[in-house]
C-alpha atoms as a PDB file:
ATOM      1  CA  UNK A   1      -4.961  -8.357  -8.833  1.00  0.00           C
ATOM      2  CA  UNK A   2      -4.452  -8.320  -4.993  1.00  0.00           C
ATOM      3  CA  UNK A   3      -7.110  -5.673  -4.563  1.00  0.00           C
ATOM      4  CA  UNK A   4      -9.829  -7.762  -6.287  1.00  0.00           C
ATOM      5  CA  UNK A   5      -8.412 -10.624  -4.252  1.00  0.00           C
ATOM      6  CA  UNK A   6      -8.903  -8.583  -1.057  1.00  0.00           C
ATOM      7  CA  UNK A   7     -12.474  -7.795  -2.214  1.00  0.00           C
ATOM      8  CA  UNK A   8     -13.270 -11.588  -2.678  1.00  0.00           C
ATOM      9  CA  UNK A   9     -11.763 -12.621   0.480  1.00  0.00           C
ATOM     10  CA  UNK A  10     -13.821 -10.030   2.421  1.00  0.00           C
ATOM     11  CA  UNK A  11     -17.034 -11.125   0.716  1.00  0.00           C
ATOM     12  CA  UNK A  12     -16.097 -14.806   1.057  1.00  0.00           C
ATOM     13  CA  UNK A  13     -15.328 -14.228   4.769  1.00  0.00           C
ATOM     14  CA  UNK A  14     -18.800 -13.064   5.244  1.00  0.00           C
ATOM     15  CA  UNK A  15     -20.266 -16.155   3.680  1.00  0.00           C
ATOM     16  CA  UNK A  16     -17.838 -18.144   5.683  1.00  0.00           C
ATOM     17  CA  UNK A  17     -19.477 -16.706   8.897  1.00  0.00           C
ATOM     18  CA  UNK A  18     -21.977 -19.575   8.397  1.00  0.00           C
ATOM     19  CA  UNK A  19     -19.253 -22.280   8.186  1.00  0.00           C
ATOM     20  CA  UNK A  20     -18.147 -23.923  11.544  1.00  0.00           C
ATOM     21  CA  UNK A  21     -15.068 -22.207  11.948  1.00  0.00           C
ATOM     22  CA  UNK A  22     -15.918 -18.750  12.985  1.00  0.00           C
ATOM     23  CA  UNK A  23     -12.533 -17.423  13.946  1.00  0.00           C
ATOM     24  CA  UNK A  24     -11.011 -18.360  10.537  1.00  0.00           C
ATOM     25  CA  UNK A  25     -13.962 -16.471   8.901  1.00  0.00           C
ATOM     26  CA  UNK A  26     -13.381 -13.276  11.023  1.00  0.00           C
ATOM     27  CA  UNK A  27      -9.644 -13.618  10.232  1.00  0.00           C
ATOM     28  CA  UNK A  28     -10.326 -13.622   6.507  1.00  0.00           C
ATOM     29  CA  UNK A  29     -12.617 -10.668   6.669  1.00  0.00           C
ATOM     30  CA  UNK A  30      -9.755  -8.788   8.484  1.00  0.00           C
ATOM     31  CA  UNK A  31      -7.296  -9.949   5.858  1.00  0.00           C
ATOM     32  CA  UNK A  32      -9.712  -8.761   3.227  1.00  0.00           C
ATOM     33  CA  UNK A  33      -9.960  -5.111   4.648  1.00  0.00           C
ATOM     34  CA  UNK A  34      -6.267  -5.026   5.298  1.00  0.00           C
ATOM     35  CA  UNK A  35      -5.292  -5.987   1.817  1.00  0.00           C
ATOM     36  CA  UNK A  36      -7.862  -3.475   0.117  1.00  0.00           C
ATOM     37  CA  UNK A  37      -6.413  -0.836   2.452  1.00  0.00           C
ATOM     38  CA  UNK A  38      -2.834  -1.743   1.566  1.00  0.00           C
ATOM     39  CA  UNK A  39      -3.459  -1.796  -2.198  1.00  0.00           C
ATOM     40  CA  UNK A  40      -5.642   1.222  -2.513  1.00  0.00           C
ATOM     41  CA  UNK A  41      -3.529   2.984  -0.544  1.00  0.00           C
ATOM     42  CA  UNK A  42      -4.907   4.429   2.503  1.00  0.00           C
ATOM     43  CA  UNK A  43      -2.606   6.623   4.380  1.00  0.00           C
ATOM     44  CA  UNK A  44      -0.913   4.214   7.130  1.00  0.00           C
ATOM     45  CA  UNK A  45      -0.412   1.711   4.506  1.00  0.00           C
ATOM     46  CA  UNK A  46       0.777   4.015   1.458  1.00  0.00           C
ATOM     47  CA  UNK A  47       4.369   4.170   2.846  1.00  0.00           C
ATOM     48  CA  UNK A  48       4.924   0.302   2.653  1.00  0.00           C
ATOM     49  CA  UNK A  49       6.062   0.165  -1.115  1.00  0.00           C
ATOM     50  CA  UNK A  50       8.365  -2.777  -0.819  1.00  0.00           C
ATOM     51  CA  UNK A  51       7.383  -5.606  -3.347  1.00  0.00           C
ATOM     52  CA  UNK A  52       9.288  -8.202  -1.392  1.00  0.00           C
ATOM     53  CA  UNK A  53       7.272  -7.520   1.803  1.00  0.00           C
ATOM     54  CA  UNK A  54       3.872  -7.485  -0.110  1.00  0.00           C
ATOM     55  CA  UNK A  55       4.800 -10.784  -1.819  1.00  0.00           C
ATOM     56  CA  UNK A  56       5.744 -12.494   1.684  1.00  0.00           C
ATOM     57  CA  UNK A  57       2.905 -11.309   3.630  1.00  0.00           C
ATOM     58  CA  UNK A  58       0.271 -12.173   0.786  1.00  0.00           C
ATOM     59  CA  UNK A  59       1.822 -15.536   0.688  1.00  0.00           C
ATOM     60  CA  UNK A  60       1.301 -16.046   4.369  1.00  0.00           C
ATOM     61  CA  UNK A  61      -2.221 -14.835   3.846  1.00  0.00           C
ATOM     62  CA  UNK A  62      -3.098 -17.548   1.396  1.00  0.00           C
ATOM     63  CA  UNK A  63      -2.445 -20.011   4.195  1.00  0.00           C
ATOM     64  CA  UNK A  64      -5.538 -18.674   5.962  1.00  0.00           C
ATOM     65  CA  UNK A  65      -7.622 -18.644   2.780  1.00  0.00           C
ATOM     66  CA  UNK A  66      -7.284 -22.404   1.632  1.00  0.00           C
ATOM     67  CA  UNK A  67      -9.049 -23.905   4.656  1.00  0.00           C
ATOM     68  CA  UNK A  68     -12.410 -22.706   3.872  1.00  0.00           C
ATOM     69  CA  UNK A  69     -14.322 -23.309   0.591  1.00  0.00           C
ATOM     70  CA  UNK A  70     -15.693 -19.759   0.005  1.00  0.00           C
ATOM     71  CA  UNK A  71     -12.005 -18.204   0.443  1.00  0.00           C
ATOM     72  CA  UNK A  72     -10.383 -20.686  -1.872  1.00  0.00           C
ATOM     73  CA  UNK A  73     -10.992 -18.591  -4.938  1.00  0.00           C
ATOM     74  CA  UNK A  74      -9.568 -15.563  -3.360  1.00  0.00           C
ATOM     75  CA  UNK A  75      -6.456 -17.505  -2.392  1.00  0.00           C
ATOM     76  CA  UNK A  76      -5.989 -18.213  -6.038  1.00  0.00           C
ATOM     77  CA  UNK A  77      -6.178 -14.527  -6.870  1.00  0.00           C
ATOM     78  CA  UNK A  78      -3.598 -13.907  -4.351  1.00  0.00           C
ATOM     79  CA  UNK A  79      -1.246 -16.546  -5.589  1.00  0.00           C
ATOM     80  CA  UNK A  80      -1.294 -14.807  -8.943  1.00  0.00           C
ATOM     81  CA  UNK A  81      -0.797 -11.544  -7.187  1.00  0.00           C
ATOM     82  CA  UNK A  82       2.012 -12.870  -5.275  1.00  0.00           C
ATOM     83  CA  UNK A  83       3.629 -14.346  -8.463  1.00  0.00           C
ATOM     84  CA  UNK A  84       3.496 -10.993  -9.975  1.00  0.00           C
ATOM     85  CA  UNK A  85       4.953  -8.983  -6.921  1.00  0.00           C
ATOM     86  CA  UNK A  86       7.791 -11.416  -6.904  1.00  0.00           C
ATOM     87  CA  UNK A  87       8.349 -11.030 -10.415  1.00  0.00           C
ATOM     88  CA  UNK A  88       8.335  -7.216 -10.131  1.00  0.00           C
ATOM     89  CA  UNK A  89      10.759  -7.462  -7.007  1.00  0.00           C
ATOM     90  CA  UNK A  90      13.212  -9.562  -8.847  1.00  0.00           C
ATOM     91  CA  UNK A  91      13.227  -7.002 -11.901  1.00  0.00           C
ATOM     92  CA  UNK A  92      13.980  -4.078  -9.393  1.00  0.00           C
ATOM     93  CA  UNK A  93      10.583  -2.183 -10.065  1.00  0.00           C
ATOM     94  CA  UNK A  94       9.817   0.455  -7.559  1.00  0.00           C
ATOM     95  CA  UNK A  95       6.239   1.518  -6.428  1.00  0.00           C
ATOM     96  CA  UNK A  96       5.538   5.004  -6.903  1.00  0.00           C
ATOM     97  CA  UNK A  97       2.624   7.194  -5.864  1.00  0.00           C
ATOM     98  CA  UNK A  98       0.055   7.581  -8.681  1.00  0.00           C
ATOM     99  CA  UNK A  99      -1.118  10.963  -7.382  1.00  0.00           C
ATOM    100  CA  UNK A 100       2.493  12.533  -7.609  1.00  0.00           C
ATOM    101  CA  UNK A 101       3.048  13.684 -11.106  1.00  0.00           C
ATOM    102  CA  UNK A 102       6.613  13.489 -12.426  1.00  0.00           C
ATOM    103  CA  UNK A 103       8.434  16.638 -13.422  1.00  0.00           C
ATOM    104  CA  UNK A 104       8.148  17.203 -17.071  1.00  0.00           C
ATOM    105  CA  UNK A 105      10.692  18.715 -19.468  1.00  0.00           C
ATOM    106  CA  UNK A 106      14.409  19.223 -19.111  1.00  0.00           C
ATOM    107  CA  UNK A 107      16.657  22.029 -18.186  1.00  0.00           C
ATOM    108  CA  UNK A 108      15.780  25.300 -19.156  1.00  0.00           C
ATOM    109  CA  UNK A 109      18.233  27.499 -21.156  1.00  0.00           C
ATOM    110  CA  UNK A 110      20.195  30.193 -19.376  1.00  0.00           C
ATOM    111  CA  UNK A 111      19.506  33.806 -19.651  1.00  0.00           C
ATOM    112  CA  UNK A 112      20.779  34.954 -22.950  1.00  0.00           C
ATOM    113  CA  UNK A 113      19.474  31.989 -24.986  1.00  0.00           C
ATOM    114  CA  UNK A 114      22.510  29.834 -24.841  1.00  0.00           C
ATOM    115  CA  UNK A 115      22.627  26.580 -22.876  1.00  0.00           C
END
C-alpha cells in the first residue's frame, strides 16, 4: 500500500512543481523515491525491517503531503498504510525477505531408519 502511495506522491510532486511552493514539491518527490526504495526493498533500506519505525516515519511524511492538492491523495494512501503497519506492529508481525526461502521438511531419520 505504501509502495503505491510512494508512486503517487512522486508523480504528484512532479505536478506540484508548477505550484507556488517549489521546495515542498521537491521534498515530496524525494519522499516518493525514499518510500519506493524502502518498500521494494533496495539494498540500503532492506535491513530496516521494524514496522514501528516505518509507521512513525510514514506518519511524519504525511505532514508534508497534506499541504498541496496534488499530493493529498497520496497522503490518504499513506494513512491507510500507517494504520496497517501499526496493526502489524501491535500484533508482533515480523518482516521477512521474500527472496529467502524457508527451510522445508523436518528432521531426517538417523542412519538405520530409526528416529
